[in-house]
Amino acid sequence: MAAPTPTPITVLIDTREQRPWSLDPGLFVTERTTLKTGDYTIKGLEDHQFVLERKSLGDFIGTVIGDWLRFRHELNRLAAFDYAAIIVEADVEDVLAKRYESEANPASVIGRAHACYLDHGVPVFWWGKKSECVTMVESLLSQAAKKLGMGVTA
């Protein structure tokens, strides 16, 4: 007897996401839509249950150092979700070794990442290069769908 085929998870991707992650088509169906907050969510969980904000290292640094006051408003919107996180396409070592094009002090960047969590309850995950992030995000999306009752059988 063959194992049941998992029901694909529908992932909503914000239309402003310029180069979206390519998720495993055997596990995920993607739809582009305008999200009020974040870049990725699971269909049916977009209204304050689950959201992910994706950032490149340069974008993260520019946002938390150069545009912190505006970004705090976004963090407040993210904090209204049951589960929200910021995914940075870099390793924390990239920050510590100052492998970025900014004069920002690495301690300031790390401090602002901590403030995302300590002041707003939104963790920052440093999940490495794009391919590593995709693997981690796929796992997180699958577990979130199961936990939050989206009927996933995989």
Protein backbone atom coordinates (compact mmCIF):
# COMPACT_ATOMS: atom_id res chain seq x y z
CA MET A 1 0.00 0.00 0.00
CA ALA A 2 1.43 3.37 -1.02
CA ALA A 3 1.86 6.13 1.51
CA PRO A 4 -0.73 8.90 1.21
CA THR A 5 0.32 11.86 -0.87
CA PRO A 6 0.73 14.93 1.33
CA THR A 7 -1.71 17.76 0.74
CA PRO A 8 0.25 20.72 -0.62
CA ILE A 9 0.40 23.79 1.60
CA THR A 10 -0.67 27.00 -0.10
CA VAL A 11 1.86 29.73 0.65
CA LEU A 12 0.95 33.33 -0.02
CA ILE A 13 3.85 35.50 -1.21
CA ASP A 14 3.65 39.27 -1.17
CA THR A 15 3.54 40.83 -4.65
CA ARG A 16 6.31 43.26 -3.61
CA GLU A 17 8.71 40.34 -3.06
CA GLN A 18 11.06 40.83 -6.03
CA ARG A 19 12.78 37.44 -6.13
CA PRO A 20 10.62 35.00 -4.15
CA TRP A 21 11.98 31.78 -2.79
CA SER A 22 11.31 28.73 -4.95
CA LEU A 23 9.59 26.27 -2.63
CA ASP A 24 9.33 22.52 -3.29
CA PRO A 25 6.38 22.18 -5.72
CA GLY A 26 5.64 18.71 -4.33
CA LEU A 27 4.91 20.21 -0.91
CA PHE A 28 3.85 23.78 -1.61
CA VAL A 29 1.61 25.72 -3.96
CA THR A 30 2.39 29.43 -4.10
CA GLU A 31 0.09 32.33 -4.81
CA ARG A 32 1.10 35.97 -5.24
CA THR A 33 -1.02 38.49 -3.36
CA THR A 34 -0.58 41.78 -1.55
CA LEU A 35 0.01 41.05 2.13
CA LYS A 36 -0.63 43.75 4.71
CA THR A 37 2.36 42.58 6.74
CA GLY A 38 5.36 40.39 5.89
CA ASP A 39 6.43 38.54 2.80
CA TYR A 40 5.25 34.93 3.30
CA THR A 41 2.32 33.33 5.06
CA ILE A 42 0.14 30.24 4.82
CA LYS A 43 -3.24 30.66 3.17
CA GLY A 44 -5.81 30.78 5.92
CA LEU A 45 -3.29 32.06 8.48
CA GLU A 46 -2.65 35.48 6.97
CA ASP A 47 -4.91 37.31 9.43
CA HIS A 48 -2.65 37.51 12.48
CA GLN A 49 -1.70 33.85 12.86
CA PHE A 50 1.57 33.32 10.94
CA VAL A 51 3.90 35.52 8.88
CA LEU A 52 7.54 35.64 7.80
CA GLU A 53 9.52 38.72 6.81
CA ARG A 54 12.45 38.01 4.48
CA LYS A 55 15.56 40.20 4.43
CA SER A 56 18.88 40.09 2.64
CA LEU A 57 21.77 41.09 4.90
CA GLY A 58 22.11 44.50 3.24
CA ASP A 59 18.38 45.15 3.48
CA PHE A 60 18.30 44.07 7.13
CA ILE A 61 21.18 46.37 8.05
CA GLY A 62 19.76 49.28 6.07
CA THR A 63 16.39 48.78 7.72
CA VAL A 64 17.46 48.32 11.35
CA ILE A 65 20.22 50.95 11.27
CA GLY A 66 19.12 53.53 8.71
CA ASP A 67 15.34 53.21 8.89
CA TRP A 68 14.74 51.98 12.45
CA LEU A 69 11.89 54.36 13.31
CA ARG A 70 9.85 53.29 10.27
CA PHE A 71 10.75 49.62 10.78
CA ARG A 72 9.48 49.72 14.36
CA HIS A 73 5.99 50.30 12.95
CA GLU A 74 6.42 47.17 10.84
CA LEU A 75 7.67 45.29 13.90
CA ASN A 76 4.52 46.33 15.75
CA ARG A 77 2.41 44.86 12.93
CA LEU A 78 4.50 41.66 12.98
CA ALA A 79 4.13 41.46 16.78
CA ALA A 80 0.34 41.36 16.40
CA PHE A 81 0.68 37.89 14.83
CA ASP A 82 0.62 34.73 16.90
CA TYR A 83 3.80 33.62 15.11
CA ALA A 84 6.08 36.01 13.23
CA ALA A 85 9.77 35.96 12.41
CA ILE A 86 12.36 37.78 10.35
CA ILE A 87 14.50 35.51 8.18
CA VAL A 88 17.89 36.98 7.20
CA GLU A 89 19.71 35.43 4.26
CA ALA A 90 23.08 35.48 6.01
CA ASP A 91 24.93 33.95 8.92
CA VAL A 92 25.49 35.98 12.06
CA GLU A 93 29.20 35.50 11.36
CA ASP A 94 28.70 37.65 8.24
CA VAL A 95 27.71 40.48 10.58
CA LEU A 96 30.46 39.86 13.11
CA ALA A 97 33.08 39.76 10.32
CA LYS A 98 31.52 42.90 8.78
CA ARG A 99 30.88 41.26 5.40
CA TYR A 100 28.53 43.99 4.26
CA GLU A 101 28.65 47.36 2.56
CA SER A 102 27.76 49.68 5.41
CA GLU A 103 29.60 51.60 8.06
CA ALA A 104 27.27 50.10 10.68
CA ASN A 105 29.03 48.64 13.68
CA PRO A 106 28.40 44.87 13.96
CA ALA A 107 27.45 45.28 17.63
CA SER A 108 24.76 47.80 16.61
CA VAL A 109 23.35 45.43 13.99
CA ILE A 110 23.23 42.55 16.49
CA GLY A 111 21.76 44.88 19.11
CA ARG A 112 18.94 45.87 16.78
CA ALA A 113 18.31 42.19 15.95
CA HIS A 114 17.98 41.54 19.68
CA ALA A 115 15.64 44.55 19.99
CA CYS A 116 13.36 43.01 17.36
CA TYR A 117 12.85 40.13 19.76
CA LEU A 118 13.17 41.79 23.18
CA ASP A 119 11.11 44.90 22.39
CA HIS A 120 8.65 43.44 19.89
CA GLY A 121 8.66 39.67 20.38
CA VAL A 122 9.77 39.03 16.79
CA PRO A 123 12.81 36.74 16.51
CA VAL A 124 15.46 37.17 13.84
CA PHE A 125 16.69 33.92 12.30
CA TRP A 126 20.12 33.97 10.65
CA TRP A 127 19.68 30.97 8.34
CA GLY A 128 22.61 31.40 5.96
CA LYS A 129 22.58 31.66 2.21
CA LYS A 130 19.39 31.53 0.14
CA SER A 131 19.37 27.73 -0.39
CA GLU A 132 19.77 27.12 3.35
CA CYS A 133 17.00 29.60 4.12
CA VAL A 134 14.65 27.84 1.71
CA THR A 135 15.27 24.50 3.43
CA MET A 136 14.61 26.00 6.84
CA VAL A 137 11.55 27.95 5.69
CA GLU A 138 10.04 24.85 4.06
CA SER A 139 10.43 22.99 7.35
CA LEU A 140 8.99 25.90 9.34
CA LEU A 141 6.02 26.29 6.96
CA SER A 142 5.26 22.56 7.19
CA GLN A 143 5.41 22.52 10.98
CA ALA A 144 3.37 25.72 11.27
CA ALA A 145 0.66 24.31 9.01
CA LYS A 146 0.46 21.17 11.16
CA LYS A 147 0.51 23.06 14.46
CA LEU A 148 -2.04 25.61 13.38
CA GLY A 149 -4.48 23.02 12.02
CA MET A 150 -4.27 23.46 8.29
CA GLY A 151 -5.04 19.77 7.70
CA VAL A 152 -1.57 18.83 6.47
CA THR A 153 -0.97 15.08 6.44
CA ALA A 154 2.74 15.07 5.59
